[in-house]
Protein backbone atom coordinates (compact mmCIF):
# COMPACT_ATOMS: atom_id res chain seq x y z
CA UNK A 1 0.00 0.00 0.00
CA UNK A 2 2.74 2.43 0.96
CA UNK A 3 4.61 1.60 -2.22
CA UNK A 4 1.51 2.43 -4.30
CA UNK A 5 1.23 5.85 -2.67
CA UNK A 6 4.89 6.64 -3.26
CA UNK A 7 4.59 5.54 -6.90
CA UNK A 8 1.59 7.79 -7.43
CA UNK A 9 3.40 10.69 -5.76
CA UNK A 10 6.46 10.08 -7.90
CA UNK A 11 4.34 10.02 -11.07
CA UNK A 12 2.57 13.24 -10.10
CA UNK A 13 5.93 14.85 -9.35
CA UNK A 14 7.29 13.90 -12.76
CA UNK A 15 4.15 15.20 -14.47
CA UNK A 16 4.32 18.52 -12.62
CA UNK A 17 8.02 18.81 -13.41
CA UNK A 18 7.41 18.26 -17.10
CA UNK A 19 4.59 20.80 -17.14
CA UNK A 20 6.71 23.34 -15.27
CA UNK A 21 9.61 22.80 -17.67
CA UNK A 22 7.41 23.28 -20.69
CA UNK A 23 5.88 26.46 -19.30
CA UNK A 24 9.28 27.86 -18.33
CA UNK A 25 10.72 27.01 -21.75
CA UNK A 26 7.86 28.65 -23.59
CA UNK A 27 7.91 31.77 -21.43
CA UNK A 28 11.67 32.29 -21.76
CA UNK A 29 11.85 31.53 -25.49
CA UNK A 30 12.96 34.49 -27.65
CA UNK A 31 9.62 35.02 -29.40
CA UNK A 32 7.13 37.91 -29.49
CA UNK A 33 4.46 37.90 -26.78
CA UNK A 34 1.51 37.02 -29.04
CA UNK A 35 3.41 34.11 -30.55
CA UNK A 36 4.48 32.90 -27.09
CA UNK A 37 0.92 33.07 -25.78
CA UNK A 38 -0.37 31.13 -28.79
CA UNK A 39 2.32 28.47 -28.35
CA UNK A 40 1.53 28.22 -24.64
CA UNK A 41 -2.19 27.87 -25.38
CA UNK A 42 -1.52 25.09 -27.89
CA UNK A 43 0.77 23.28 -25.47
CA UNK A 44 -1.75 23.46 -22.64
CA UNK A 45 -4.55 22.24 -24.91
CA UNK A 46 -2.38 19.34 -26.13
CA UNK A 47 -1.50 18.36 -22.56
CA UNK A 48 -5.13 18.58 -21.49
CA UNK A 49 -6.20 16.32 -24.36
CA UNK A 50 -3.46 13.77 -23.71
CA UNK A 51 -3.94 13.57 -19.94
CA UNK A 52 -7.69 14.12 -19.70
CA UNK A 53 -8.51 10.45 -18.95
CA UNK A 54 -5.86 10.34 -16.22
CA UNK A 55 -7.12 13.58 -14.69
CA UNK A 56 -10.71 12.34 -14.79
CA UNK A 57 -9.69 9.06 -13.14
CA UNK A 58 -7.78 10.94 -10.44
CA UNK A 59 -10.82 13.16 -9.80
CA UNK A 60 -13.05 10.08 -9.58
CA UNK A 61 -10.69 8.40 -7.11
CA UNK A 62 -10.51 11.58 -5.02
CA UNK A 63 -14.31 11.87 -4.92
CA UNK A 64 -14.64 8.19 -3.97
CA UNK A 65 -12.14 8.71 -1.15
CA UNK A 66 -14.00 11.80 0.06
CA UNK A 67 -17.29 9.88 0.04
CA UNK A 68 -15.74 7.03 2.02
CA UNK A 69 -14.25 9.40 4.61
CA UNK A 70 -17.57 11.24 4.89
CA UNK A 71 -19.40 7.95 5.45
CA UNK A 72 -16.91 6.85 8.12
CA UNK A 73 -17.11 10.21 9.91
CA UNK A 74 -20.92 10.14 9.91
CA UNK A 75 -20.84 6.58 11.27
CA UNK A 76 -18.47 7.58 14.07
CA UNK A 77 -20.57 10.66 14.85
CA UNK A 78 -23.69 8.51 15.23
CA UNK A 79 -21.79 6.00 17.34
CA UNK A 80 -20.54 8.80 19.60
CA UNK A 81 -24.07 10.24 19.91
CA UNK A 82 -25.45 6.83 20.85
CA UNK A 83 -22.70 6.41 23.43
CA UNK A 84 -23.59 9.76 25.02
CA UNK A 85 -27.29 8.85 25.11
CA UNK A 86 -26.43 5.52 26.70
CA UNK A 87 -24.33 7.21 29.41
CA UNK A 88 -27.12 9.70 30.12
CA UNK A 89 -29.65 6.87 30.45
CA UNK A 90 -27.38 4.93 32.84
CA UNK A 91 -26.85 8.07 34.91
CA UNK A 92 -30.61 8.76 35.02
CA UNK A 93 -31.34 5.16 36.08
CA UNK A 94 -28.63 5.36 38.72
CA UNK A 95 -30.08 8.59 40.11
CA UNK A 96 -33.56 7.08 40.01
CA UNK A 97 -32.49 3.94 41.87
CA UNK A 98 -30.76 5.96 44.62
CA UNK A 99 -33.50 8.50 44.95
CA UNK A 100 -34.98 8.98 48.44
CA UNK A 101 -38.07 10.57 47.03
CA UNK A 102 -41.25 8.57 46.59
CA UNK A 103 -43.69 10.23 44.25
CA UNK A 104 -46.52 7.70 44.94
PDB file of N, CA and C in Angstrom:
ATOM      1  N   UNK A   1       0.835  -1.193   0.000  1.00  0.00           N
ATOM      2  CA  UNK A   1       0.000   0.000   0.000  1.00  0.00           C
ATOM      3  C   UNK A   1       0.872   1.245   0.000  1.00  0.00           C
ATOM      4  N   UNK A   2       1.867   1.262   0.870  1.00  0.00           N
ATOM      5  CA  UNK A   2       2.738   2.429   0.960  1.00  0.00           C
ATOM      6  C   UNK A   2       3.502   2.628  -0.346  1.00  0.00           C
ATOM      7  N   UNK A   3       3.878   1.514  -0.963  1.00  0.00           N
ATOM      8  CA  UNK A   3       4.608   1.602  -2.221  1.00  0.00           C
ATOM      9  C   UNK A   3       3.730   2.207  -3.316  1.00  0.00           C
ATOM     10  N   UNK A   4       2.436   1.869  -3.319  1.00  0.00           N
ATOM     11  CA  UNK A   4       1.507   2.428  -4.300  1.00  0.00           C
ATOM     12  C   UNK A   4       1.413   3.938  -4.147  1.00  0.00           C
ATOM     13  N   UNK A   5       1.328   4.412  -2.910  1.00  0.00           N
ATOM     14  CA  UNK A   5       1.226   5.847  -2.675  1.00  0.00           C
ATOM     15  C   UNK A   5       2.483   6.570  -3.128  1.00  0.00           C
ATOM     16  N   UNK A   6       3.650   5.976  -2.859  1.00  0.00           N
ATOM     17  CA  UNK A   6       4.886   6.639  -3.262  1.00  0.00           C
ATOM     18  C   UNK A   6       5.030   6.622  -4.779  1.00  0.00           C
ATOM     19  N   UNK A   7       4.540   5.594  -5.444  1.00  0.00           N
ATOM     20  CA  UNK A   7       4.587   5.537  -6.904  1.00  0.00           C
ATOM     21  C   UNK A   7       3.693   6.597  -7.511  1.00  0.00           C
ATOM     22  N   UNK A   8       2.509   6.768  -6.937  1.00  0.00           N
ATOM     23  CA  UNK A   8       1.590   7.791  -7.432  1.00  0.00           C
ATOM     24  C   UNK A   8       2.199   9.175  -7.222  1.00  0.00           C
ATOM     25  N   UNK A   9       2.770   9.403  -6.045  1.00  0.00           N
ATOM     26  CA  UNK A   9       3.401  10.688  -5.759  1.00  0.00           C
ATOM     27  C   UNK A   9       4.561  10.967  -6.703  1.00  0.00           C
ATOM     28  N   UNK A  10       5.339   9.931  -6.986  1.00  0.00           N
ATOM     29  CA  UNK A  10       6.462  10.077  -7.902  1.00  0.00           C
ATOM     30  C   UNK A  10       5.968  10.429  -9.299  1.00  0.00           C
ATOM     31  N   UNK A  11       4.906   9.749  -9.751  1.00  0.00           N
ATOM     32  CA  UNK A  11       4.338  10.019 -11.068  1.00  0.00           C
ATOM     33  C   UNK A  11       3.790  11.431 -11.169  1.00  0.00           C
ATOM     34  N   UNK A  12       3.102  11.875 -10.116  1.00  0.00           N
ATOM     35  CA  UNK A  12       2.570  13.239 -10.098  1.00  0.00           C
ATOM     36  C   UNK A  12       3.716  14.249 -10.115  1.00  0.00           C
ATOM     37  N   UNK A  13       4.772  13.953  -9.378  1.00  0.00           N
ATOM     38  CA  UNK A  13       5.932  14.846  -9.354  1.00  0.00           C
ATOM     39  C   UNK A  13       6.589  14.975 -10.714  1.00  0.00           C
ATOM     40  N   UNK A  14       6.706  13.863 -11.412  1.00  0.00           N
ATOM     41  CA  UNK A  14       7.289  13.902 -12.757  1.00  0.00           C
ATOM     42  C   UNK A  14       6.400  14.717 -13.688  1.00  0.00           C
ATOM     43  N   UNK A  15       5.089  14.472 -13.611  1.00  0.00           N
ATOM     44  CA  UNK A  15       4.146  15.199 -14.471  1.00  0.00           C
ATOM     45  C   UNK A  15       4.218  16.707 -14.215  1.00  0.00           C
ATOM     46  N   UNK A  16       4.227  17.095 -12.948  1.00  0.00           N
ATOM     47  CA  UNK A  16       4.318  18.522 -12.621  1.00  0.00           C
ATOM     48  C   UNK A  16       5.650  19.113 -13.065  1.00  0.00           C
ATOM     49  N   UNK A  17       6.716  18.344 -12.958  1.00  0.00           N
ATOM     50  CA  UNK A  17       8.018  18.812 -13.413  1.00  0.00           C
ATOM     51  C   UNK A  17       8.060  19.041 -14.913  1.00  0.00           C
ATOM     52  N   UNK A  18       7.461  18.117 -15.645  1.00  0.00           N
ATOM     53  CA  UNK A  18       7.412  18.259 -17.104  1.00  0.00           C
ATOM     54  C   UNK A  18       6.594  19.495 -17.485  1.00  0.00           C
ATOM     55  N   UNK A  19       5.437  19.648 -16.844  1.00  0.00           N
ATOM     56  CA  UNK A  19       4.587  20.803 -17.143  1.00  0.00           C
ATOM     57  C   UNK A  19       5.318  22.109 -16.811  1.00  0.00           C
ATOM     58  N   UNK A  20       5.958  22.142 -15.660  1.00  0.00           N
ATOM     59  CA  UNK A  20       6.712  23.338 -15.270  1.00  0.00           C
ATOM     60  C   UNK A  20       7.844  23.632 -16.241  1.00  0.00           C
ATOM     61  N   UNK A  21       8.525  22.605 -16.705  1.00  0.00           N
ATOM     62  CA  UNK A  21       9.608  22.797 -17.667  1.00  0.00           C
ATOM     63  C   UNK A  21       9.114  23.327 -18.995  1.00  0.00           C
ATOM     64  N   UNK A  22       7.980  22.808 -19.431  1.00  0.00           N
ATOM     65  CA  UNK A  22       7.413  23.284 -20.692  1.00  0.00           C
ATOM     66  C   UNK A  22       7.004  24.750 -20.577  1.00  0.00           C
ATOM     67  N   UNK A  23       6.324  25.079 -19.499  1.00  0.00           N
ATOM     68  CA  UNK A  23       5.880  26.460 -19.302  1.00  0.00           C
ATOM     69  C   UNK A  23       7.081  27.397 -19.224  1.00  0.00           C
ATOM     70  N   UNK A  24       8.099  27.012 -18.459  1.00  0.00           N
ATOM     71  CA  UNK A  24       9.285  27.864 -18.334  1.00  0.00           C
ATOM     72  C   UNK A  24       9.981  28.014 -19.687  1.00  0.00           C
ATOM     73  N   UNK A  25      10.076  26.943 -20.445  1.00  0.00           N
ATOM     74  CA  UNK A  25      10.720  27.008 -21.751  1.00  0.00           C
ATOM     75  C   UNK A  25       9.981  27.908 -22.717  1.00  0.00           C
ATOM     76  N   UNK A  26       8.660  27.817 -22.694  1.00  0.00           N
ATOM     77  CA  UNK A  26       7.862  28.652 -23.595  1.00  0.00           C
ATOM     78  C   UNK A  26       7.948  30.110 -23.183  1.00  0.00           C
ATOM     79  N   UNK A  27       7.893  30.386 -21.895  1.00  0.00           N
ATOM     80  CA  UNK A  27       7.913  31.766 -21.426  1.00  0.00           C
ATOM     81  C   UNK A  27       9.265  32.452 -21.653  1.00  0.00           C
ATOM     82  N   UNK A  28      10.345  31.692 -21.586  1.00  0.00           N
ATOM     83  CA  UNK A  28      11.665  32.292 -21.758  1.00  0.00           C
ATOM     84  C   UNK A  28      12.196  32.192 -23.181  1.00  0.00           C
ATOM     85  N   UNK A  29      11.413  31.640 -24.096  1.00  0.00           N
ATOM     86  CA  UNK A  29      11.846  31.531 -25.494  1.00  0.00           C
ATOM     87  C   UNK A  29      11.894  32.923 -26.127  1.00  0.00           C
ATOM     88  N   UNK A  30      12.834  33.153 -27.014  1.00  0.00           N
ATOM     89  CA  UNK A  30      12.961  34.485 -27.649  1.00  0.00           C
ATOM     90  C   UNK A  30      11.954  34.662 -28.787  1.00  0.00           C
ATOM     91  N   UNK A  31      10.681  34.802 -28.425  1.00  0.00           N
ATOM     92  CA  UNK A  31       9.617  35.023 -29.402  1.00  0.00           C
ATOM     93  C   UNK A  31       8.785  36.219 -28.960  1.00  0.00           C
ATOM     94  N   UNK A  32       8.038  36.818 -29.873  1.00  0.00           N
ATOM     95  CA  UNK A  32       7.127  37.906 -29.486  1.00  0.00           C
ATOM     96  C   UNK A  32       6.025  37.386 -28.555  1.00  0.00           C
ATOM     97  N   UNK A  33       5.457  38.284 -27.773  1.00  0.00           N
ATOM     98  CA  UNK A  33       4.461  37.905 -26.777  1.00  0.00           C
ATOM     99  C   UNK A  33       3.256  37.183 -27.335  1.00  0.00           C
ATOM    100  N   UNK A  34       2.701  37.663 -28.455  1.00  0.00           N
ATOM    101  CA  UNK A  34       1.515  37.025 -29.037  1.00  0.00           C
ATOM    102  C   UNK A  34       1.840  35.600 -29.486  1.00  0.00           C
ATOM    103  N   UNK A  35       3.000  35.438 -30.088  1.00  0.00           N
ATOM    104  CA  UNK A  35       3.406  34.108 -30.548  1.00  0.00           C
ATOM    105  C   UNK A  35       3.643  33.177 -29.351  1.00  0.00           C
ATOM    106  N   UNK A  36       4.236  33.696 -28.297  1.00  0.00           N
ATOM    107  CA  UNK A  36       4.478  32.901 -27.093  1.00  0.00           C
ATOM    108  C   UNK A  36       3.167  32.477 -26.450  1.00  0.00           C
ATOM    109  N   UNK A  37       2.224  33.410 -26.369  1.00  0.00           N
ATOM    110  CA  UNK A  37       0.918  33.066 -25.776  1.00  0.00           C
ATOM    111  C   UNK A  37       0.198  32.001 -26.595  1.00  0.00           C
ATOM    112  N   UNK A  38       0.273  32.126 -27.915  1.00  0.00           N
ATOM    113  CA  UNK A  38      -0.367  31.129 -28.787  1.00  0.00           C
ATOM    114  C   UNK A  38       0.280  29.755 -28.609  1.00  0.00           C
ATOM    115  N   UNK A  39       1.593  29.729 -28.546  1.00  0.00           N
ATOM    116  CA  UNK A  39       2.325  28.468 -28.352  1.00  0.00           C
ATOM    117  C   UNK A  39       1.965  27.862 -26.988  1.00  0.00           C
ATOM    118  N   UNK A  40       1.887  28.694 -25.975  1.00  0.00           N
ATOM    119  CA  UNK A  40       1.528  28.224 -24.636  1.00  0.00           C
ATOM    120  C   UNK A  40       0.109  27.661 -24.633  1.00  0.00           C
ATOM    121  N   UNK A  41      -0.809  28.342 -25.309  1.00  0.00           N
ATOM    122  CA  UNK A  41      -2.186  27.865 -25.380  1.00  0.00           C
ATOM    123  C   UNK A  41      -2.258  26.514 -26.072  1.00  0.00           C
ATOM    124  N   UNK A  42      -1.542  26.361 -27.170  1.00  0.00           N
ATOM    125  CA  UNK A  42      -1.518  25.088 -27.892  1.00  0.00           C
ATOM    126  C   UNK A  42      -0.938  23.970 -27.030  1.00  0.00           C
ATOM    127  N   UNK A  43       0.130  24.275 -26.322  1.00  0.00           N
ATOM    128  CA  UNK A  43       0.770  23.277 -25.472  1.00  0.00           C
ATOM    129  C   UNK A  43      -0.159  22.839 -24.355  1.00  0.00           C
ATOM    130  N   UNK A  44      -0.820  23.789 -23.720  1.00  0.00           N
ATOM    131  CA  UNK A  44      -1.746  23.463 -22.636  1.00  0.00           C
ATOM    132  C   UNK A  44      -2.909  22.629 -23.163  1.00  0.00           C
ATOM    133  N   UNK A  45      -3.438  23.007 -24.310  1.00  0.00           N
ATOM    134  CA  UNK A  45      -4.549  22.235 -24.907  1.00  0.00           C
ATOM    135  C   UNK A  45      -4.101  20.818 -25.252  1.00  0.00           C
ATOM    136  N   UNK A  46      -2.899  20.679 -25.804  1.00  0.00           N
ATOM    137  CA  UNK A  46      -2.384  19.341 -26.129  1.00  0.00           C
ATOM    138  C   UNK A  46      -2.224  18.492 -24.866  1.00  0.00           C
ATOM    139  N   UNK A  47      -1.661  19.097 -23.819  1.00  0.00           N
ATOM    140  CA  UNK A  47      -1.496  18.360 -22.561  1.00  0.00           C
ATOM    141  C   UNK A  47      -2.844  17.957 -21.966  1.00  0.00           C
ATOM    142  N   UNK A  48      -3.805  18.878 -22.033  1.00  0.00           N
ATOM    143  CA  UNK A  48      -5.129  18.583 -21.489  1.00  0.00           C
ATOM    144  C   UNK A  48      -5.776  17.427 -22.240  1.00  0.00           C
ATOM    145  N   UNK A  49      -5.630  17.407 -23.564  1.00  0.00           N
ATOM    146  CA  UNK A  49      -6.198  16.320 -24.360  1.00  0.00           C
ATOM    147  C   UNK A  49      -5.520  14.991 -24.065  1.00  0.00           C
ATOM    148  N   UNK A  50      -4.204  15.008 -23.948  1.00  0.00           N
ATOM    149  CA  UNK A  50      -3.457  13.773 -23.711  1.00  0.00           C
ATOM    150  C   UNK A  50      -3.730  13.195 -22.331  1.00  0.00           C
ATOM    151  N   UNK A  51      -3.848  14.045 -21.327  1.00  0.00           N
ATOM    152  CA  UNK A  51      -3.943  13.574 -19.942  1.00  0.00           C
ATOM    153  C   UNK A  51      -5.348  13.674 -19.369  1.00  0.00           C
ATOM    154  N   UNK A  52      -6.321  13.991 -20.185  1.00  0.00           N
ATOM    155  CA  UNK A  52      -7.692  14.124 -19.698  1.00  0.00           C
ATOM    156  C   UNK A  52      -8.216  12.850 -19.034  1.00  0.00           C
ATOM    157  N   UNK A  53      -8.019  11.667 -19.623  1.00  0.00           N
ATOM    158  CA  UNK A  53      -8.506  10.453 -18.945  1.00  0.00           C
ATOM    159  C   UNK A  53      -7.845  10.236 -17.584  1.00  0.00           C
ATOM    160  N   UNK A  54      -6.563  10.518 -17.495  1.00  0.00           N
ATOM    161  CA  UNK A  54      -5.858  10.337 -16.221  1.00  0.00           C
ATOM    162  C   UNK A  54      -6.362  11.324 -15.183  1.00  0.00           C
ATOM    163  N   UNK A  55      -6.607  12.564 -15.605  1.00  0.00           N
ATOM    164  CA  UNK A  55      -7.123  13.580 -14.686  1.00  0.00           C
ATOM    165  C   UNK A  55      -8.521  13.207 -14.224  1.00  0.00           C
ATOM    166  N   UNK A  56      -9.353  12.753 -15.154  1.00  0.00           N
ATOM    167  CA  UNK A  56     -10.708  12.342 -14.788  1.00  0.00           C
ATOM    168  C   UNK A  56     -10.685  11.162 -13.826  1.00  0.00           C
ATOM    169  N   UNK A  57      -9.798  10.222 -14.046  1.00  0.00           N
ATOM    170  CA  UNK A  57      -9.686   9.064 -13.144  1.00  0.00           C
ATOM    171  C   UNK A  57      -9.203   9.509 -11.762  1.00  0.00           C
ATOM    172  N   UNK A  58      -8.256  10.431 -11.719  1.00  0.00           N
ATOM    173  CA  UNK A  58      -7.776  10.941 -10.438  1.00  0.00           C
ATOM    174  C   UNK A  58      -8.889  11.673  -9.698  1.00  0.00           C
ATOM    175  N   UNK A  59      -9.691  12.466 -10.430  1.00  0.00           N
ATOM    176  CA  UNK A  59     -10.817  13.160  -9.803  1.00  0.00           C
ATOM    177  C   UNK A  59     -11.824  12.160  -9.252  1.00  0.00           C
ATOM    178  N   UNK A  60     -12.098  11.099 -10.021  1.00  0.00           N
ATOM    179  CA  UNK A  60     -13.048  10.076  -9.580  1.00  0.00           C
ATOM    180  C   UNK A  60     -12.542   9.397  -8.302  1.00  0.00           C
ATOM    181  N   UNK A  61     -11.272   9.044  -8.291  1.00  0.00           N
ATOM    182  CA  UNK A  61     -10.694   8.403  -7.106  1.00  0.00           C
ATOM    183  C   UNK A  61     -10.739   9.338  -5.907  1.00  0.00           C
ATOM    184  N   UNK A  62     -10.467  10.611  -6.115  1.00  0.00           N
ATOM    185  CA  UNK A  62     -10.512  11.579  -5.016  1.00  0.00           C
ATOM    186  C   UNK A  62     -11.928  11.702  -4.473  1.00  0.00           C
ATOM    187  N   UNK A  63     -12.920  11.769  -5.356  1.00  0.00           N
ATOM    188  CA  UNK A  63     -14.313  11.872  -4.915  1.00  0.00           C
ATOM    189  C   UNK A  63     -14.750  10.605  -4.176  1.00  0.00           C
ATOM    190  N   UNK A  64     -14.311   9.446  -4.658  1.00  0.00           N
ATOM    191  CA  UNK A  64     -14.636   8.189  -3.965  1.00  0.00           C
ATOM    192  C   UNK A  64     -14.027   8.176  -2.565  1.00  0.00           C
ATOM    193  N   UNK A  65     -12.800   8.656  -2.457  1.00  0.00           N
ATOM    194  CA  UNK A  65     -12.141   8.709  -1.147  1.00  0.00           C
ATOM    195  C   UNK A  65     -12.861   9.682  -0.217  1.00  0.00           C
ATOM    196  N   UNK A  66     -13.275  10.820  -0.747  1.00  0.00           N
ATOM    197  CA  UNK A  66     -13.998  11.802   0.060  1.00  0.00           C
ATOM    198  C   UNK A  66     -15.323  11.217   0.538  1.00  0.00           C
ATOM    199  N   UNK A  67     -16.024  10.509  -0.344  1.00  0.00           N
ATOM    200  CA  UNK A  67     -17.292   9.882   0.039  1.00  0.00           C
ATOM    201  C   UNK A  67     -17.088   8.843   1.132  1.00  0.00           C
ATOM    202  N   UNK A  68     -16.022   8.052   1.011  1.00  0.00           N
ATOM    203  CA  UNK A  68     -15.738   7.034   2.022  1.00  0.00           C
ATOM    204  C   UNK A  68     -15.414   7.675   3.368  1.00  0.00           C
ATOM    205  N   UNK A  69     -14.602   8.708   3.367  1.00  0.00           N
ATOM    206  CA  UNK A  69     -14.253   9.403   4.610  1.00  0.00           C
ATOM    207  C   UNK A  69     -15.493  10.033   5.234  1.00  0.00           C
ATOM    208  N   UNK A  70     -16.326  10.633   4.401  1.00  0.00           N
ATOM    209  CA  UNK A  70     -17.566  11.241   4.890  1.00  0.00           C
ATOM    210  C   UNK A  70     -18.452  10.187   5.538  1.00  0.00           C
ATOM    211  N   UNK A  71     -18.595   9.034   4.899  1.00  0.00           N
ATOM    212  CA  UNK A  71     -19.401   7.945   5.455  1.00  0.00           C
ATOM    213  C   UNK A  71     -18.843   7.493   6.807  1.00  0.00           C
ATOM    214  N   UNK A  72     -17.533   7.309   6.871  1.00  0.00           N
ATOM    215  CA  UNK A  72     -16.915   6.847   8.121  1.00  0.00           C
ATOM    216  C   UNK A  72     -17.079   7.886   9.233  1.00  0.00           C
ATOM    217  N   UNK A  73     -16.931   9.164   8.898  1.00  0.00           N
ATOM    218  CA  UNK A  73     -17.112  10.209   9.909  1.00  0.00           C
ATOM    219  C   UNK A  73     -18.553  10.260  10.405  1.00  0.00           C
ATOM    220  N   UNK A  74     -19.514  10.141   9.502  1.00  0.00           N
ATOM    221  CA  UNK A  74     -20.920  10.140   9.912  1.00  0.00           C
ATOM    222  C   UNK A  74     -21.216   8.936  10.809  1.00  0.00           C
ATOM    223  N   UNK A  75     -20.646   7.798  10.472  1.00  0.00           N
ATOM    224  CA  UNK A  75     -20.840   6.583  11.270  1.00  0.00           C
ATOM    225  C   UNK A  75     -20.263   6.771  12.680  1.00  0.00           C
ATOM    226  N   UNK A  76     -19.082   7.349  12.771  1.00  0.00           N
ATOM    227  CA  UNK A  76     -18.468   7.584  14.071  1.00  0.00           C
ATOM    228  C   UNK A  76     -19.249   8.624  14.873  1.00  0.00           C
ATOM    229  N   UNK A  77     -19.773   9.633  14.186  1.00  0.00           N
ATOM    230  CA  UNK A  77     -20.571  10.662  14.852  1.00  0.00           C
ATOM    231  C   UNK A  77     -21.827  10.051  15.463  1.00  0.00           C
ATOM    232  N   UNK A  78     -22.499   9.189  14.714  1.00  0.00           N
ATOM    233  CA  UNK A  78     -23.693   8.515  15.234  1.00  0.00           C
ATOM    234  C   UNK A  78     -23.338   7.603  16.404  1.00  0.00           C
ATOM    235  N   UNK A  79     -22.235   6.900  16.277  1.00  0.00           N
ATOM    236  CA  UNK A  79     -21.785   6.005  17.343  1.00  0.00           C
ATOM    237  C   UNK A  79     -21.493   6.806  18.615  1.00  0.00           C
ATOM    238  N   UNK A  80     -20.854   7.942  18.468  1.00  0.00           N
ATOM    239  CA  UNK A  80     -20.540   8.802  19.605  1.00  0.00           C
ATOM    240  C   UNK A  80     -21.828   9.339  20.235  1.00  0.00           C
ATOM    241  N   UNK A  81     -22.785   9.759  19.401  1.00  0.00           N
ATOM    242  CA  UNK A  81     -24.073  10.242  19.909  1.00  0.00           C
ATOM    243  C   UNK A  81     -24.814   9.164  20.675  1.00  0.00           C
ATOM    244  N   UNK A  82     -24.804   7.947  20.151  1.00  0.00           N
ATOM    245  CA  UNK A  82     -25.451   6.830  20.850  1.00  0.00           C
ATOM    246  C   UNK A  82     -24.762   6.531  22.177  1.00  0.00           C
ATOM    247  N   UNK A  83     -23.442   6.648  22.201  1.00  0.00           N
ATOM    248  CA  UNK A  83     -22.699   6.413  23.431  1.00  0.00           C
ATOM    249  C   UNK A  83     -23.087   7.455  24.493  1.00  0.00           C
ATOM    250  N   UNK A  84     -23.202   8.716  24.081  1.00  0.00           N
ATOM    251  CA  UNK A  84     -23.594   9.764  25.023  1.00  0.00           C
ATOM    252  C   UNK A  84     -25.000   9.529  25.556  1.00  0.00           C
ATOM    253  N   UNK A  85     -25.928   9.143  24.682  1.00  0.00           N
ATOM    254  CA  UNK A  85     -27.295   8.848  25.113  1.00  0.00           C
ATOM    255  C   UNK A  85     -27.302   7.692  26.106  1.00  0.00           C
ATOM    256  N   UNK A  86     -26.508   6.683  25.831  1.00  0.00           N
ATOM    257  CA  UNK A  86     -26.427   5.519  26.704  1.00  0.00           C
ATOM    258  C   UNK A  86     -25.908   5.915  28.092  1.00  0.00           C
ATOM    259  N   UNK A  87     -24.884   6.755  28.123  1.00  0.00           N
ATOM    260  CA  UNK A  87     -24.334   7.205  29.406  1.00  0.00           C
ATOM    261  C   UNK A  87     -25.350   8.037  30.171  1.00  0.00           C
ATOM    262  N   UNK A  88     -26.094   8.888  29.456  1.00  0.00           N
ATOM    263  CA  UNK A  88     -27.120   9.701  30.117  1.00  0.00           C
ATOM    264  C   UNK A  88     -28.220   8.814  30.697  1.00  0.00           C
ATOM    265  N   UNK A  89     -28.613   7.782  29.959  1.00  0.00           N
ATOM    266  CA  UNK A  89     -29.654   6.867  30.445  1.00  0.00           C
ATOM    267  C   UNK A  89     -29.172   6.107  31.680  1.00  0.00           C
ATOM    268  N   UNK A  90     -27.932   5.638  31.668  1.00  0.00           N
ATOM    269  CA  UNK A  90     -27.379   4.932  32.838  1.00  0.00           C
ATOM    270  C   UNK A  90     -27.340   5.858  34.045  1.00  0.00           C
ATOM    271  N   UNK A  91     -26.926   7.097  33.818  1.00  0.00           N
ATOM    272  CA  UNK A  91     -26.850   8.071  34.912  1.00  0.00           C
ATOM    273  C   UNK A  91     -28.250   8.352  35.470  1.00  0.00           C
ATOM    274  N   UNK A  92     -29.240   8.502  34.580  1.00  0.00           N
ATOM    275  CA  UNK A  92     -30.612   8.761  35.023  1.00  0.00           C
ATOM    276  C   UNK A  92     -31.153   7.573  35.817  1.00  0.00           C
ATOM    277  N   UNK A  93     -30.885   6.351  35.361  1.00  0.00           N
ATOM    278  CA  UNK A  93     -31.343   5.160  36.082  1.00  0.00           C
ATOM    279  C   UNK A  93     -30.656   5.048  37.441  1.00  0.00           C
ATOM    280  N   UNK A  94     -29.375   5.403  37.463  1.00  0.00           N
ATOM    281  CA  UNK A  94     -28.630   5.363  38.720  1.00  0.00           C
ATOM    282  C   UNK A  94     -29.214   6.363  39.711  1.00  0.00           C
ATOM    283  N   UNK A  95     -29.493   7.558  39.244  1.00  0.00           N
ATOM    284  CA  UNK A  95     -30.084   8.586  40.110  1.00  0.00           C
ATOM    285  C   UNK A  95     -31.462   8.137  40.579  1.00  0.00           C
ATOM    286  N   UNK A  96     -32.221   7.546  39.672  1.00  0.00           N
ATOM    287  CA  UNK A  96     -33.562   7.079  40.013  1.00  0.00           C
ATOM    288  C   UNK A  96     -33.518   5.964  41.035  1.00  0.00           C
ATOM    289  N   UNK A  97     -32.570   5.067  40.933  1.00  0.00           N
ATOM    290  CA  UNK A  97     -32.491   3.938  41.870  1.00  0.00           C
ATOM    291  C   UNK A  97     -32.012   4.395  43.253  1.00  0.00           C
ATOM    292  N   UNK A  98     -31.244   5.461  43.341  1.00  0.00           N
ATOM    293  CA  UNK A  98     -30.756   5.962  44.622  1.00  0.00           C
ATOM    294  C   UNK A  98     -31.599   7.083  45.205  1.00  0.00           C
ATOM    295  N   UNK A  99     -32.677   7.385  44.536  1.00  0.00           N
ATOM    296  CA  UNK A  99     -33.501   8.504  44.953  1.00  0.00           C
ATOM    297  C   UNK A  99     -34.256   8.183  46.252  1.00  0.00           C
ATOM    298  N   UNK A 100     -34.263   9.136  47.155  1.00  0.00           N
ATOM    299  CA  UNK A 100     -34.975   8.978  48.437  1.00  0.00           C
ATOM    300  C   UNK A 100     -36.416   9.439  48.320  1.00  0.00           C
ATOM    301  N   UNK A 101     -36.736  10.029  47.202  1.00  0.00           N
ATOM    302  CA  UNK A 101     -38.074  10.567  47.028  1.00  0.00           C
ATOM    303  C   UNK A 101     -39.001   9.475  46.504  1.00  0.00           C
ATOM    304  N   UNK A 102     -40.206   9.496  47.051  1.00  0.00           N
ATOM    305  CA  UNK A 102     -41.246   8.574  46.588  1.00  0.00           C
ATOM    306  C   UNK A 102     -42.394   9.425  46.104  1.00  0.00           C
ATOM    307  N   UNK A 103     -42.647   9.388  44.842  1.00  0.00           N
ATOM    308  CA  UNK A 103     -43.690  10.228  44.249  1.00  0.00           C
ATOM    309  C   UNK A 103     -45.052   9.560  44.283  1.00  0.00           C
ATOM    310  N   UNK A 104     -45.212   8.382  44.866  1.00  0.00           N
ATOM    311  CA  UNK A 104     -46.525   7.702  44.937  1.00  0.00           C
ATOM    312  C   UNK A 104     -47.226   8.010  46.195  1.00  0.00           C
TER     313      UNK A 104
END
